[in-house]
Amino acid sequence: MIKAGEPAPNFVAPAYYKERFTHIDLSKYRGKWVVVFFYGGDYTFV
C-alpha cells in the first residue's frame, strides 16, 4: 500500500504536452518534486 511521505511507485503513462501526445516516465524525475494531475476530459462517460 502506498502511504503519504513515501516515494511513489514508478509508472509510464500517456500524456498530452505542448500540443502533442507523449509518454511520461516517472523514473526520469527521481529526486525531484513533481505534481501528478489527472483530469478526465469534459463530457466523457468516465
N, C-alpha and C. Protein backbone atom coordinates (compact mmCIF):
# COMPACT_ATOMS: atom_id res chain seq x y z
N MET A 1 0.84 -1.17 0.00
CA MET A 1 0.00 0.00 0.00
C MET A 1 0.89 1.25 0.00
N ILE A 2 0.52 2.23 -0.78
CA ILE A 2 1.25 3.50 -0.84
C ILE A 2 0.80 4.36 0.33
N LYS A 3 1.77 4.98 0.99
CA LYS A 3 1.47 5.85 2.13
C LYS A 3 2.05 7.24 1.89
N ALA A 4 1.43 8.24 2.49
CA ALA A 4 1.93 9.61 2.38
C ALA A 4 3.35 9.69 2.92
N GLY A 5 4.20 10.42 2.23
CA GLY A 5 5.58 10.59 2.66
C GLY A 5 6.53 9.57 2.06
N GLU A 6 6.01 8.54 1.41
CA GLU A 6 6.86 7.53 0.79
C GLU A 6 6.98 7.83 -0.71
N PRO A 7 8.06 7.39 -1.34
CA PRO A 7 8.20 7.60 -2.78
C PRO A 7 7.08 6.90 -3.55
N ALA A 8 6.63 7.52 -4.62
CA ALA A 8 5.60 6.92 -5.46
C ALA A 8 6.22 5.80 -6.30
N PRO A 9 5.46 4.78 -6.60
CA PRO A 9 5.99 3.72 -7.48
C PRO A 9 6.17 4.25 -8.90
N ASN A 10 7.12 3.68 -9.61
CA ASN A 10 7.37 4.12 -10.98
C ASN A 10 6.20 3.75 -11.88
N PHE A 11 5.90 4.59 -12.85
CA PHE A 11 4.88 4.29 -13.85
C PHE A 11 5.17 5.05 -15.13
N VAL A 12 4.61 4.56 -16.21
CA VAL A 12 4.67 5.22 -17.51
C VAL A 12 3.23 5.43 -17.93
N ALA A 13 2.90 6.64 -18.38
CA ALA A 13 1.53 6.96 -18.75
C ALA A 13 1.50 7.87 -19.97
N PRO A 14 0.47 7.74 -20.80
CA PRO A 14 0.33 8.65 -21.93
C PRO A 14 -0.04 10.04 -21.43
N ALA A 15 0.42 11.07 -22.15
CA ALA A 15 0.14 12.45 -21.75
C ALA A 15 0.07 13.33 -22.98
N TYR A 16 -0.59 14.46 -22.84
CA TYR A 16 -0.65 15.47 -23.89
C TYR A 16 0.12 16.67 -23.39
N TYR A 17 1.22 17.03 -24.08
CA TYR A 17 2.11 18.08 -23.61
C TYR A 17 2.60 18.89 -24.80
N LYS A 18 2.45 20.20 -24.71
CA LYS A 18 2.89 21.12 -25.77
C LYS A 18 2.35 20.71 -27.14
N GLU A 19 1.03 20.52 -27.19
CA GLU A 19 0.30 20.23 -28.42
C GLU A 19 0.71 18.93 -29.11
N ARG A 20 1.14 17.94 -28.34
CA ARG A 20 1.42 16.62 -28.92
C ARG A 20 1.27 15.56 -27.84
N PHE A 21 1.02 14.33 -28.28
CA PHE A 21 0.92 13.21 -27.35
C PHE A 21 2.31 12.64 -27.10
N THR A 22 2.56 12.27 -25.86
CA THR A 22 3.85 11.72 -25.46
C THR A 22 3.62 10.75 -24.31
N HIS A 23 4.69 10.19 -23.77
CA HIS A 23 4.59 9.33 -22.59
C HIS A 23 5.43 9.94 -21.47
N ILE A 24 4.88 9.87 -20.27
CA ILE A 24 5.57 10.37 -19.09
C ILE A 24 6.10 9.18 -18.31
N ASP A 25 7.37 9.19 -17.99
CA ASP A 25 8.01 8.13 -17.21
C ASP A 25 8.46 8.74 -15.89
N LEU A 26 7.84 8.33 -14.81
CA LEU A 26 8.12 8.93 -13.50
C LEU A 26 9.59 8.77 -13.08
N SER A 27 10.25 7.72 -13.53
CA SER A 27 11.65 7.50 -13.14
C SER A 27 12.58 8.62 -13.62
N LYS A 28 12.18 9.36 -14.66
CA LYS A 28 13.01 10.47 -15.15
C LYS A 28 13.06 11.64 -14.16
N TYR A 29 12.12 11.65 -13.23
CA TYR A 29 12.03 12.75 -12.27
C TYR A 29 12.47 12.35 -10.87
N ARG A 30 13.12 11.21 -10.74
CA ARG A 30 13.57 10.73 -9.43
C ARG A 30 14.46 11.78 -8.76
N GLY A 31 14.18 12.04 -7.48
CA GLY A 31 14.95 13.03 -6.73
C GLY A 31 14.42 14.44 -6.85
N LYS A 32 13.35 14.62 -7.63
CA LYS A 32 12.75 15.95 -7.80
C LYS A 32 11.32 15.92 -7.28
N TRP A 33 10.82 17.08 -6.95
CA TRP A 33 9.42 17.21 -6.55
C TRP A 33 8.58 17.34 -7.80
N VAL A 34 7.51 16.55 -7.90
CA VAL A 34 6.60 16.63 -9.04
C VAL A 34 5.15 16.62 -8.54
N VAL A 35 4.28 17.19 -9.32
CA VAL A 35 2.84 17.13 -9.06
C VAL A 35 2.23 16.38 -10.22
N VAL A 36 1.53 15.29 -9.93
CA VAL A 36 0.88 14.50 -10.96
C VAL A 36 -0.61 14.82 -10.88
N PHE A 37 -1.16 15.27 -12.00
CA PHE A 37 -2.55 15.71 -12.04
C PHE A 37 -3.27 14.97 -13.15
N PHE A 38 -4.41 14.41 -12.84
CA PHE A 38 -5.23 13.72 -13.83
C PHE A 38 -6.54 14.46 -13.97
N TYR A 39 -6.94 14.71 -15.21
CA TYR A 39 -8.21 15.36 -15.47
C TYR A 39 -8.89 14.65 -16.62
N GLY A 40 -9.98 13.99 -16.32
CA GLY A 40 -10.77 13.34 -17.37
C GLY A 40 -11.38 14.41 -18.26
N GLY A 41 -11.37 14.22 -19.55
CA GLY A 41 -11.88 15.22 -20.48
C GLY A 41 -13.34 15.59 -20.20
N ASP A 42 -13.69 16.79 -20.55
CA ASP A 42 -15.08 17.25 -20.38
C ASP A 42 -16.05 16.35 -21.13
N TYR A 43 -17.17 16.11 -20.52
CA TYR A 43 -18.27 15.39 -21.14
C TYR A 43 -17.93 13.95 -21.52
N THR A 44 -17.04 13.33 -20.77
CA THR A 44 -16.76 11.92 -21.01
C THR A 44 -17.67 11.08 -20.11
N PHE A 45 -17.78 9.82 -20.41
CA PHE A 45 -18.64 8.94 -19.62
C PHE A 45 -17.83 8.18 -18.58
N VAL A 46 -16.83 8.79 -18.03
CA VAL A 46 -15.98 8.15 -17.02
C VAL A 46 -16.69 8.22 -15.69
